[in-house]
Amino acid sequence: MILVLVLSSFLLLSGYVISALQSATSARRFVEKVYLKQQSYHALVSVLPLIIQALREDDPSTDTLSDPWAFPFEVETERGRLRITIYDEDRFLNLNQVDREGVYREVFERLLTLLEINPRYTDALLTWLGKGEGGLWTRYPPKRGNLDSPYELAYIGMEEEDLYGRTVGDITYPGLLSLVTTHSSGRINLNTAPKYVLMALDPRIDATLADRIMKFREGKPFRKVEDLVLVEGVTFDILYRIRKIVDVKSTHFRITATVETGDVETTVELIYSREDDRIVYKRIY
């Protein structure tokens, strides 16, 4: 009986010791991860000015998908693997500009329709911005100010499939979050805009014509907005309707820099306004 009690006590104490060791190991690993993240963050911060300087020195008159900044960069360093990606925000539709001109609102509503999203969400967005009616469509009291992030669309009642994409039959539609921004000049860059944004510009730009535009700019990027009529199927009437909301250059760039050290990953994401020469958004994770 005594032997059983001793053995039980030993097993119980062993359990406590193992648990304590595991907790200590876990705590030590947590501290190590925090330290690695801090070191990685400082390393990333030292790299970002070089990236921004490169954007400053890039030709600001035209921005295309063949420019050096548009290609992902990856390299092994003593701290781990460094990955840098840059894309321009001006390829997207700016949510804060939807009320700017009649044609801009039409483009936004057309984009919603193309994505199989109810275009009446436009009223909810304008209400959220404090620029329209339709409060019944918002889930929360209106912000009455510009959106800081596209993710705020969830507050006006949009569902996850509206934001992240849906599949209808054999067709997969991208989510709205992949096609809109809250930081840009408001003018859409014809050299970088994705297919659905190009199609939303005018009802006469269908999938075939959008593909033709993207194919044309691969070989010969647009140097001025008027060059768009060089694409077969684009008329002067189309150009006239959209010329106030399109451009061939970009003003805002999203820079994402990540250091991967073992199982620890640290990312600094920011949006740089080349027009104002300042960082307008920053996030660390």
C-alpha atoms as a PDB file:
ATOM      1  CA  MET A   1       0.000   0.000   0.000  1.00  0.00           C
ATOM      2  CA  ILE A   2       2.863   2.313   0.947  1.00  0.00           C
ATOM      3  CA  LEU A   3       4.597   1.455  -2.330  1.00  0.00           C
ATOM      4  CA  VAL A   4       1.472   2.431  -4.241  1.00  0.00           C
ATOM      5  CA  LEU A   5       1.279   5.761  -2.389  1.00  0.00           C
ATOM      6  CA  VAL A   6       4.976   6.477  -3.028  1.00  0.00           C
ATOM      7  CA  LEU A   7       4.604   5.618  -6.689  1.00  0.00           C
ATOM      8  CA  SER A   8       1.480   7.777  -6.980  1.00  0.00           C
ATOM      9  CA  SER A   9       3.251  10.692  -5.276  1.00  0.00           C
ATOM     10  CA  PHE A  10       6.270  10.274  -7.572  1.00  0.00           C
ATOM     11  CA  LEU A  11       4.103  10.291 -10.672  1.00  0.00           C
ATOM     12  CA  LEU A  12       2.195  13.333  -9.414  1.00  0.00           C
ATOM     13  CA  LEU A  13       5.414  15.240  -8.663  1.00  0.00           C
ATOM     14  CA  SER A  14       6.870  14.183 -12.010  1.00  0.00           C
ATOM     15  CA  GLY A  15       3.804  15.600 -13.699  1.00  0.00           C
ATOM     16  CA  TYR A  16       4.297  18.927 -11.935  1.00  0.00           C
ATOM     17  CA  VAL A  17       7.993  19.007 -12.876  1.00  0.00           C
ATOM     18  CA  ILE A  18       7.304  18.183 -16.520  1.00  0.00           C
ATOM     19  CA  SER A  19       4.545  20.775 -16.617  1.00  0.00           C
ATOM     20  CA  ALA A  20       6.869  23.367 -15.060  1.00  0.00           C
ATOM     21  CA  LEU A  21       9.632  22.523 -17.553  1.00  0.00           C
ATOM     22  CA  GLN A  22       7.210  22.778 -20.437  1.00  0.00           C
ATOM     23  CA  SER A  23       5.974  26.124 -19.155  1.00  0.00           C
ATOM     24  CA  ALA A  24       9.534  27.364 -18.755  1.00  0.00           C
ATOM     25  CA  THR A  25      10.446  26.150 -22.238  1.00  0.00           C
ATOM     26  CA  SER A  26       7.312  27.721 -23.653  1.00  0.00           C
ATOM     27  CA  ALA A  27       8.033  31.008 -21.870  1.00  0.00           C
ATOM     28  CA  ARG A  28      11.649  30.984 -23.061  1.00  0.00           C
ATOM     29  CA  ARG A  29      10.546  30.320 -26.636  1.00  0.00           C
ATOM     30  CA  PHE A  30       8.021  33.142 -26.396  1.00  0.00           C
ATOM     31  CA  VAL A  31      10.750  35.542 -25.242  1.00  0.00           C
ATOM     32  CA  GLU A  32      13.011  34.339 -28.069  1.00  0.00           C
ATOM     33  CA  LYS A  33      10.264  34.972 -30.617  1.00  0.00           C
ATOM     34  CA  VAL A  34       9.645  38.466 -29.258  1.00  0.00           C
ATOM     35  CA  TYR A  35      13.381  39.176 -29.442  1.00  0.00           C
ATOM     36  CA  LEU A  36      13.604  37.856 -33.010  1.00  0.00           C
ATOM     37  CA  LYS A  37      10.610  39.965 -34.028  1.00  0.00           C
ATOM     38  CA  GLN A  38      12.188  43.069 -32.536  1.00  0.00           C
ATOM     39  CA  GLN A  39      15.468  42.408 -34.318  1.00  0.00           C
ATOM     40  CA  SER A  40      13.677  41.691 -37.597  1.00  0.00           C
ATOM     41  CA  TYR A  41      11.582  44.845 -37.253  1.00  0.00           C
ATOM     42  CA  HIS A  42      14.681  47.011 -36.836  1.00  0.00           C
ATOM     43  CA  ALA A  43      16.273  45.322 -39.839  1.00  0.00           C
ATOM     44  CA  LEU A  44      13.176  45.997 -41.945  1.00  0.00           C
ATOM     45  CA  VAL A  45      12.995  49.612 -40.812  1.00  0.00           C
ATOM     46  CA  SER A  46      16.573  50.120 -42.027  1.00  0.00           C
ATOM     47  CA  VAL A  47      15.648  48.744 -45.479  1.00  0.00           C
ATOM     48  CA  LEU A  48      12.448  50.741 -46.052  1.00  0.00           C
ATOM     49  CA  PRO A  49      14.147  54.135 -46.660  1.00  0.00           C
ATOM     50  CA  LEU A  50      16.132  52.551 -49.510  1.00  0.00           C
ATOM     51  CA  ILE A  51      12.912  51.269 -51.095  1.00  0.00           C
ATOM     52  CA  ILE A  52      11.223  54.638 -50.756  1.00  0.00           C
ATOM     53  CA  GLN A  53      14.264  56.375 -52.239  1.00  0.00           C
ATOM     54  CA  ALA A  54      14.057  54.065 -55.257  1.00  0.00           C
ATOM     55  CA  LEU A  55      10.404  55.033 -55.733  1.00  0.00           C
ATOM     56  CA  ARG A  56      11.339  58.709 -55.483  1.00  0.00           C
ATOM     57  CA  GLU A  57      13.918  58.283 -58.237  1.00  0.00           C
ATOM     58  CA  ASP A  58      11.591  56.281 -60.510  1.00  0.00           C
ATOM     59  CA  ASP A  59      10.095  58.159 -63.469  1.00  0.00           C
ATOM     60  CA  PRO A  60       6.828  59.585 -62.044  1.00  0.00           C
ATOM     61  CA  SER A  61       5.271  60.319 -65.445  1.00  0.00           C
ATOM     62  CA  THR A  62       4.363  56.697 -66.172  1.00  0.00           C
ATOM     63  CA  ASP A  63       4.042  53.613 -63.988  1.00  0.00           C
ATOM     64  CA  THR A  64       3.678  50.131 -65.467  1.00  0.00           C
ATOM     65  CA  LEU A  65       3.787  46.475 -64.471  1.00  0.00           C
ATOM     66  CA  SER A  66       7.184  46.197 -66.179  1.00  0.00           C
ATOM     67  CA  ASP A  67       8.829  48.803 -63.915  1.00  0.00           C
ATOM     68  CA  PRO A  68      11.512  47.475 -61.513  1.00  0.00           C
ATOM     69  CA  TRP A  69       9.352  48.167 -58.423  1.00  0.00           C
ATOM     70  CA  ALA A  70       6.591  45.885 -59.766  1.00  0.00           C
ATOM     71  CA  PHE A  71       8.684  42.707 -59.437  1.00  0.00           C
ATOM     72  CA  PRO A  72       8.844  40.863 -56.075  1.00  0.00           C
ATOM     73  CA  PHE A  73      12.290  40.766 -54.467  1.00  0.00           C
ATOM     74  CA  GLU A  74      13.595  37.923 -52.314  1.00  0.00           C
ATOM     75  CA  VAL A  75      17.031  37.329 -50.802  1.00  0.00           C
ATOM     76  CA  GLU A  76      18.683  35.291 -48.053  1.00  0.00           C
ATOM     77  CA  THR A  77      20.288  37.414 -45.317  1.00  0.00           C
ATOM     78  CA  GLU A  78      22.106  36.653 -42.076  1.00  0.00           C
ATOM     79  CA  ARG A  79      18.829  37.305 -40.277  1.00  0.00           C
ATOM     80  CA  GLY A  80      16.785  35.052 -42.553  1.00  0.00           C
ATOM     81  CA  ARG A  81      14.831  35.322 -45.789  1.00  0.00           C
ATOM     82  CA  LEU A  82      13.822  38.825 -46.848  1.00  0.00           C
ATOM     83  CA  ARG A  83      10.816  39.295 -49.160  1.00  0.00           C
ATOM     84  CA  ILE A  84       9.704  42.632 -50.564  1.00  0.00           C
ATOM     85  CA  THR A  85       6.633  43.256 -52.694  1.00  0.00           C
ATOM     86  CA  ILE A  86       5.380  46.585 -54.016  1.00  0.00           C
ATOM     87  CA  TYR A  87       2.222  47.420 -55.889  1.00  0.00           C
ATOM     88  CA  ASP A  88       0.511  50.672 -56.695  1.00  0.00           C
ATOM     89  CA  GLU A  89      -2.792  51.500 -55.024  1.00  0.00           C
ATOM     90  CA  ASP A  90      -3.872  53.541 -58.063  1.00  0.00           C
ATOM     91  CA  ARG A  91      -4.717  50.352 -59.938  1.00  0.00           C
ATOM     92  CA  PHE A  92      -7.807  50.118 -57.733  1.00  0.00           C
ATOM     93  CA  LEU A  93     -11.032  52.074 -57.257  1.00  0.00           C
ATOM     94  CA  ASN A  94     -10.848  54.505 -54.344  1.00  0.00           C
ATOM     95  CA  LEU A  95     -13.817  54.045 -51.991  1.00  0.00           C
ATOM     96  CA  ASN A  96     -13.454  57.566 -50.644  1.00  0.00           C
ATOM     97  CA  GLN A  97     -13.940  58.991 -54.129  1.00  0.00           C
ATOM     98  CA  VAL A  98     -17.242  57.289 -54.977  1.00  0.00           C
ATOM     99  CA  ASP A  99     -19.186  60.537 -54.535  1.00  0.00           C
ATOM    100  CA  ARG A 100     -16.640  62.641 -56.453  1.00  0.00           C
ATOM    101  CA  GLU A 101     -18.283  62.636 -59.863  1.00  0.00           C
ATOM    102  CA  GLY A 102     -21.300  60.963 -61.369  1.00  0.00           C
ATOM    103  CA  VAL A 103     -19.169  58.748 -63.566  1.00  0.00           C
ATOM    104  CA  TYR A 104     -17.098  57.536 -60.583  1.00  0.00           C
ATOM    105  CA  ARG A 105     -20.198  56.370 -58.766  1.00  0.00           C
ATOM    106  CA  GLU A 106     -21.357  54.638 -61.945  1.00  0.00           C
ATOM    107  CA  VAL A 107     -18.015  52.832 -62.161  1.00  0.00           C
ATOM    108  CA  PHE A 108     -18.308  51.644 -58.559  1.00  0.00           C
ATOM    109  CA  GLU A 109     -21.874  50.394 -59.048  1.00  0.00           C
ATOM    110  CA  ARG A 110     -20.815  48.664 -62.258  1.00  0.00           C
ATOM    111  CA  LEU A 111     -17.964  46.969 -60.397  1.00  0.00           C
ATOM    112  CA  LEU A 112     -20.408  45.690 -57.780  1.00  0.00           C
ATOM    113  CA  THR A 113     -22.681  44.316 -60.506  1.00  0.00           C
ATOM    114  CA  LEU A 114     -19.744  42.593 -62.228  1.00  0.00           C
ATOM    115  CA  LEU A 115     -18.877  40.920 -58.922  1.00  0.00           C
ATOM    116  CA  GLU A 116     -22.465  39.789 -58.343  1.00  0.00           C
ATOM    117  CA  ILE A 117     -22.836  42.250 -55.432  1.00  0.00           C
ATOM    118  CA  ASN A 118     -25.981  44.308 -54.904  1.00  0.00           C
ATOM    119  CA  PRO A 119     -25.214  47.823 -56.297  1.00  0.00           C
ATOM    120  CA  ARG A 120     -27.446  49.338 -53.606  1.00  0.00           C
ATOM    121  CA  TYR A 121     -24.472  49.031 -51.268  1.00  0.00           C
ATOM    122  CA  THR A 122     -23.351  52.275 -52.887  1.00  0.00           C
ATOM    123  CA  ASP A 123     -26.019  54.112 -50.884  1.00  0.00           C
ATOM    124  CA  ALA A 124     -24.804  52.445 -47.701  1.00  0.00           C
ATOM    125  CA  LEU A 125     -21.220  53.451 -48.460  1.00  0.00           C
ATOM    126  CA  LEU A 126     -22.200  57.061 -49.056  1.00  0.00           C
ATOM    127  CA  THR A 127     -24.178  57.056 -45.814  1.00  0.00           C
ATOM    128  CA  TRP A 128     -21.157  55.680 -43.975  1.00  0.00           C
ATOM    129  CA  LEU A 129     -19.058  58.482 -45.474  1.00  0.00           C
ATOM    130  CA  GLY A 130     -21.684  61.008 -44.390  1.00  0.00           C
ATOM    131  CA  LYS A 131     -22.464  61.913 -47.990  1.00  0.00           C
ATOM    132  CA  GLY A 132     -25.824  60.295 -48.604  1.00  0.00           C
ATOM    133  CA  GLU A 133     -28.882  58.552 -47.239  1.00  0.00           C
ATOM    134  CA  GLY A 134     -29.665  54.882 -46.790  1.00  0.00           C
ATOM    135  CA  GLY A 135     -28.788  54.292 -43.153  1.00  0.00           C
ATOM    136  CA  LEU A 136     -30.927  51.145 -43.028  1.00  0.00           C
ATOM    137  CA  TRP A 137     -28.169  49.410 -44.983  1.00  0.00           C
ATOM    138  CA  THR A 138     -25.454  50.119 -42.417  1.00  0.00           C
ATOM    139  CA  ARG A 139     -24.836  47.860 -39.431  1.00  0.00           C
ATOM    140  CA  TYR A 140     -23.364  50.628 -37.276  1.00  0.00           C
ATOM    141  CA  PRO A 141     -23.871  54.394 -36.895  1.00  0.00           C
ATOM    142  CA  PRO A 142     -22.301  56.180 -39.905  1.00  0.00           C
ATOM    143  CA  LYS A 143     -18.673  57.170 -39.574  1.00  0.00           C
ATOM    144  CA  ARG A 144     -19.265  60.382 -41.538  1.00  0.00           C
ATOM    145  CA  GLY A 145     -15.698  60.559 -42.733  1.00  0.00           C
ATOM    146  CA  ASN A 146     -13.287  58.867 -45.099  1.00  0.00           C
ATOM    147  CA  LEU A 147     -12.585  55.166 -44.738  1.00  0.00           C
ATOM    148  CA  ASP A 148      -9.151  54.365 -43.321  1.00  0.00           C
ATOM    149  CA  SER A 149      -9.242  50.818 -44.677  1.00  0.00           C
ATOM    150  CA  PRO A 150     -11.321  48.847 -47.203  1.00  0.00           C
ATOM    151  CA  TYR A 151     -12.104  46.375 -44.406  1.00  0.00           C
ATOM    152  CA  GLU A 152     -14.576  48.944 -43.042  1.00  0.00           C
ATOM    153  CA  LEU A 153     -16.929  47.767 -45.805  1.00  0.00           C
ATOM    154  CA  ALA A 154     -18.020  45.085 -43.344  1.00  0.00           C
ATOM    155  CA  TYR A 155     -19.634  47.829 -41.248  1.00  0.00           C
ATOM    156  CA  ILE A 156     -22.074  48.747 -44.020  1.00  0.00           C
ATOM    157  CA  GLY A 157     -23.490  45.239 -44.187  1.00  0.00           C
ATOM    158  CA  MET A 158     -21.363  43.482 -46.796  1.00  0.00           C
ATOM    159  CA  GLU A 159     -21.033  39.740 -46.349  1.00  0.00           C
ATOM    160  CA  GLU A 160     -17.781  37.755 -46.396  1.00  0.00           C
ATOM    161  CA  GLU A 161     -18.383  36.502 -49.926  1.00  0.00           C
ATOM    162  CA  ASP A 162     -18.878  40.100 -51.073  1.00  0.00           C
ATOM    163  CA  LEU A 163     -15.524  41.026 -49.590  1.00  0.00           C
ATOM    164  CA  TYR A 164     -13.482  37.900 -50.277  1.00  0.00           C
ATOM    165  CA  GLY A 165     -15.081  36.409 -53.393  1.00  0.00           C
ATOM    166  CA  ARG A 166     -17.760  33.959 -54.433  1.00  0.00           C
ATOM    167  CA  THR A 167     -18.324  31.135 -56.883  1.00  0.00           C
ATOM    168  CA  VAL A 168     -21.513  31.072 -58.961  1.00  0.00           C
ATOM    169  CA  GLY A 169     -21.771  27.968 -61.106  1.00  0.00           C
ATOM    170  CA  ASP A 170     -18.459  27.607 -62.930  1.00  0.00           C
ATOM    171  CA  ILE A 171     -17.477  31.244 -62.432  1.00  0.00           C
ATOM    172  CA  THR A 172     -15.336  32.451 -59.522  1.00  0.00           C
ATOM    173  CA  TYR A 173     -15.628  36.165 -58.774  1.00  0.00           C
ATOM    174  CA  PRO A 174     -12.900  38.016 -56.875  1.00  0.00           C
ATOM    175  CA  GLY A 175     -13.834  39.769 -53.657  1.00  0.00           C
ATOM    176  CA  LEU A 176     -14.298  43.525 -53.583  1.00  0.00           C
ATOM    177  CA  LEU A 177     -11.371  43.895 -51.168  1.00  0.00           C
ATOM    178  CA  SER A 178      -8.979  42.840 -53.932  1.00  0.00           C
ATOM    179  CA  LEU A 179     -10.117  45.666 -56.217  1.00  0.00           C
ATOM    180  CA  VAL A 180     -10.561  48.750 -54.026  1.00  0.00           C
ATOM    181  CA  THR A 181      -8.410  51.055 -51.930  1.00  0.00           C
ATOM    182  CA  THR A 182      -8.723  53.991 -49.553  1.00  0.00           C
ATOM    183  CA  HIS A 183      -5.371  55.564 -50.469  1.00  0.00           C
ATOM    184  CA  SER A 184      -4.848  56.815 -54.014  1.00  0.00           C
ATOM    185  CA  SER A 185      -5.248  59.872 -56.205  1.00  0.00           C
ATOM    186  CA  GLY A 186      -8.665  58.581 -57.272  1.00  0.00           C
ATOM    187  CA  ARG A 187      -7.474  58.217 -60.853  1.00  0.00           C
ATOM    188  CA  ILE A 188      -7.135  54.619 -62.030  1.00  0.00           C
ATOM    189  CA  ASN A 189      -3.845  53.697 -63.683  1.00  0.00           C
ATOM    190  CA  LEU A 190      -4.615  52.138 -67.076  1.00  0.00           C
ATOM    191  CA  ASN A 191      -1.210  50.446 -67.071  1.00  0.00           C
ATOM    192  CA  THR A 192      -1.803  48.475 -63.885  1.00  0.00           C
ATOM    193  CA  ALA A 193      -5.580  48.184 -63.360  1.00  0.00           C
ATOM    194  CA  PRO A 194      -6.850  44.571 -63.065  1.00  0.00           C
ATOM    195  CA  LYS A 195      -9.407  43.169 -65.474  1.00  0.00           C
ATOM    196  CA  TYR A 196     -12.554  43.774 -63.417  1.00  0.00           C
ATOM    197  CA  VAL A 197     -11.603  47.396 -62.767  1.00  0.00           C
ATOM    198  CA  LEU A 198     -11.045  47.960 -66.487  1.00  0.00           C
ATOM    199  CA  MET A 199     -14.442  46.407 -67.252  1.00  0.00           C
ATOM    200  CA  ALA A 200     -16.097  48.648 -64.663  1.00  0.00           C
ATOM    201  CA  LEU A 201     -14.810  51.821 -66.339  1.00  0.00           C
ATOM    202  CA  ASP A 202     -17.411  51.700 -69.110  1.00  0.00           C
ATOM    203  CA  PRO A 203     -20.228  49.292 -70.050  1.00  0.00           C
ATOM    204  CA  ARG A 204     -18.698  48.912 -73.510  1.00  0.00           C
ATOM    205  CA  ILE A 205     -15.493  47.453 -72.062  1.00  0.00           C
ATOM    206  CA  ASP A 206     -16.379  43.771 -71.852  1.00  0.00           C
ATOM    207  CA  ALA A 207     -14.096  40.884 -70.874  1.00  0.00           C
ATOM    208  CA  THR A 208     -12.729  40.591 -74.414  1.00  0.00           C
ATOM    209  CA  LEU A 209     -11.851  44.282 -74.686  1.00  0.00           C
ATOM    210  CA  ALA A 210     -10.356  44.302 -71.166  1.00  0.00           C
ATOM    211  CA  ASP A 211      -8.121  41.372 -72.152  1.00  0.00           C
ATOM    212  CA  ARG A 212      -7.127  43.274 -75.282  1.00  0.00           C
ATOM    213  CA  ILE A 213      -6.177  46.334 -73.225  1.00  0.00           C
ATOM    214  CA  MET A 214      -4.031  44.244 -70.879  1.00  0.00           C
ATOM    215  CA  LYS A 215      -2.363  42.474 -73.785  1.00  0.00           C
ATOM    216  CA  PHE A 216      -1.613  45.788 -75.521  1.00  0.00           C
ATOM    217  CA  ARG A 217      -0.020  47.370 -72.441  1.00  0.00           C
ATOM    218  CA  GLU A 218       2.267  44.347 -71.949  1.00  0.00           C
ATOM    219  CA  GLY A 219       4.084  45.183 -75.172  1.00  0.00           C
ATOM    220  CA  LYS A 220       3.538  48.934 -75.209  1.00  0.00           C
ATOM    221  CA  PRO A 221       2.536  50.632 -71.943  1.00  0.00           C
ATOM    222  CA  PHE A 222       0.326  53.689 -72.232  1.00  0.00           C
ATOM    223  CA  ARG A 223       2.401  56.880 -72.056  1.00  0.00           C
ATOM    224  CA  LYS A 224      -0.645  59.123 -72.010  1.00  0.00           C
ATOM    225  CA  VAL A 225      -4.348  58.513 -71.475  1.00  0.00           C
ATOM    226  CA  GLU A 226      -5.127  59.200 -75.129  1.00  0.00           C
ATOM    227  CA  ASP A 227      -3.040  56.156 -76.105  1.00  0.00           C
ATOM    228  CA  LEU A 228      -5.951  53.991 -74.964  1.00  0.00           C
ATOM    229  CA  VAL A 229      -7.678  54.515 -78.330  1.00  0.00           C
ATOM    230  CA  LEU A 230      -4.787  52.655 -79.971  1.00  0.00           C
ATOM    231  CA  VAL A 231      -6.364  49.477 -78.623  1.00  0.00           C
ATOM    232  CA  GLU A 232      -8.757  47.929 -81.114  1.00  0.00           C
ATOM    233  CA  GLY A 233     -12.316  48.402 -79.901  1.00  0.00           C
ATOM    234  CA  VAL A 234     -11.691  51.466 -77.712  1.00  0.00           C
ATOM    235  CA  THR A 235     -13.534  54.455 -79.152  1.00  0.00           C
ATOM    236  CA  PHE A 236     -13.069  58.179 -78.580  1.00  0.00           C
ATOM    237  CA  ASP A 237     -16.478  58.163 -76.930  1.00  0.00           C
ATOM    238  CA  ILE A 238     -15.242  55.686 -74.309  1.00  0.00           C
ATOM    239  CA  LEU A 239     -12.116  57.766 -73.782  1.00  0.00           C
ATOM    240  CA  TYR A 240     -14.134  60.951 -73.371  1.00  0.00           C
ATOM    241  CA  ARG A 241     -16.351  59.402 -70.683  1.00  0.00           C
ATOM    242  CA  ILE A 242     -13.532  58.007 -68.550  1.00  0.00           C
ATOM    243  CA  ARG A 243     -10.611  60.359 -69.110  1.00  0.00           C
ATOM    244  CA  LYS A 244     -11.302  62.322 -65.890  1.00  0.00           C
ATOM    245  CA  ILE A 245     -10.922  59.244 -63.708  1.00  0.00           C
ATOM    246  CA  VAL A 246      -7.997  57.455 -65.389  1.00  0.00           C
ATOM    247  CA  ASP A 247      -4.259  58.076 -65.659  1.00  0.00           C
ATOM    248  CA  VAL A 248      -1.054  56.345 -66.732  1.00  0.00           C
ATOM    249  CA  LYS A 249       0.878  56.996 -63.516  1.00  0.00           C
ATOM    250  CA  SER A 250       0.475  56.187 -59.840  1.00  0.00           C
ATOM    251  CA  THR A 251       0.850  58.229 -56.679  1.00  0.00           C
ATOM    252  CA  HIS A 252       0.484  55.682 -53.848  1.00  0.00           C
ATOM    253  CA  PHE A 253       2.478  52.475 -53.379  1.00  0.00           C
ATOM    254  CA  ARG A 254       1.947  49.656 -50.879  1.00  0.00           C
ATOM    255  CA  ILE A 255       5.235  48.211 -49.668  1.00  0.00           C
ATOM    256  CA  THR A 256       5.258  44.893 -47.818  1.00  0.00           C
ATOM    257  CA  ALA A 257       8.593  43.762 -46.375  1.00  0.00           C
ATOM    258  CA  THR A 258       8.869  40.437 -44.539  1.00  0.00           C
ATOM    259  CA  VAL A 259      11.741  38.729 -42.723  1.00  0.00           C
ATOM    260  CA  GLU A 260      11.362  35.000 -42.098  1.00  0.00           C
ATOM    261  CA  THR A 261      13.701  33.549 -39.443  1.00  0.00           C
ATOM    262  CA  GLY A 262      12.928  29.923 -38.744  1.00  0.00           C
ATOM    263  CA  ASP A 263       9.288  29.795 -37.713  1.00  0.00           C
ATOM    264  CA  VAL A 264       9.205  33.508 -36.839  1.00  0.00           C
ATOM    265  CA  GLU A 265       7.857  35.866 -39.483  1.00  0.00           C
ATOM    266  CA  THR A 266       7.851  39.653 -39.136  1.00  0.00           C
ATOM    267  CA  THR A 267       6.156  41.989 -41.617  1.00  0.00           C
ATOM    268  CA  VAL A 268       6.094  45.750 -42.018  1.00  0.00           C
ATOM    269  CA  GLU A 269       3.439  47.024 -44.410  1.00  0.00           C
ATOM    270  CA  LEU A 270       3.082  50.653 -45.395  1.00  0.00           C
ATOM    271  CA  ILE A 271       1.598  52.889 -48.046  1.00  0.00           C
ATOM    272  CA  TYR A 272       3.874  55.593 -49.393  1.00  0.00           C
ATOM    273  CA  SER A 273       2.512  58.657 -51.155  1.00  0.00           C
ATOM    274  CA  ARG A 274       5.060  59.696 -53.743  1.00  0.00           C
ATOM    275  CA  GLU A 275       2.947  62.762 -54.468  1.00  0.00           C
ATOM    276  CA  ASP A 276       3.263  64.056 -50.871  1.00  0.00           C
ATOM    277  CA  ASP A 277       6.523  62.216 -50.114  1.00  0.00           C
ATOM    278  CA  ARG A 278       5.202  60.710 -46.898  1.00  0.00           C
ATOM    279  CA  ILE A 279       3.966  57.471 -45.359  1.00  0.00           C
ATOM    280  CA  VAL A 280       0.174  57.571 -45.039  1.00  0.00           C
ATOM    281  CA  TYR A 281      -0.385  54.090 -43.568  1.00  0.00           C
ATOM    282  CA  LYS A 282       1.743  51.658 -41.558  1.00  0.00           C
ATOM    283  CA  ARG A 283       1.136  48.273 -39.971  1.00  0.00           C
ATOM    284  CA  ILE A 284       3.407  45.769 -38.234  1.00  0.00           C
ATOM    285  CA  TYR A 285       2.549  42.115 -37.724  1.00  0.00           C
END
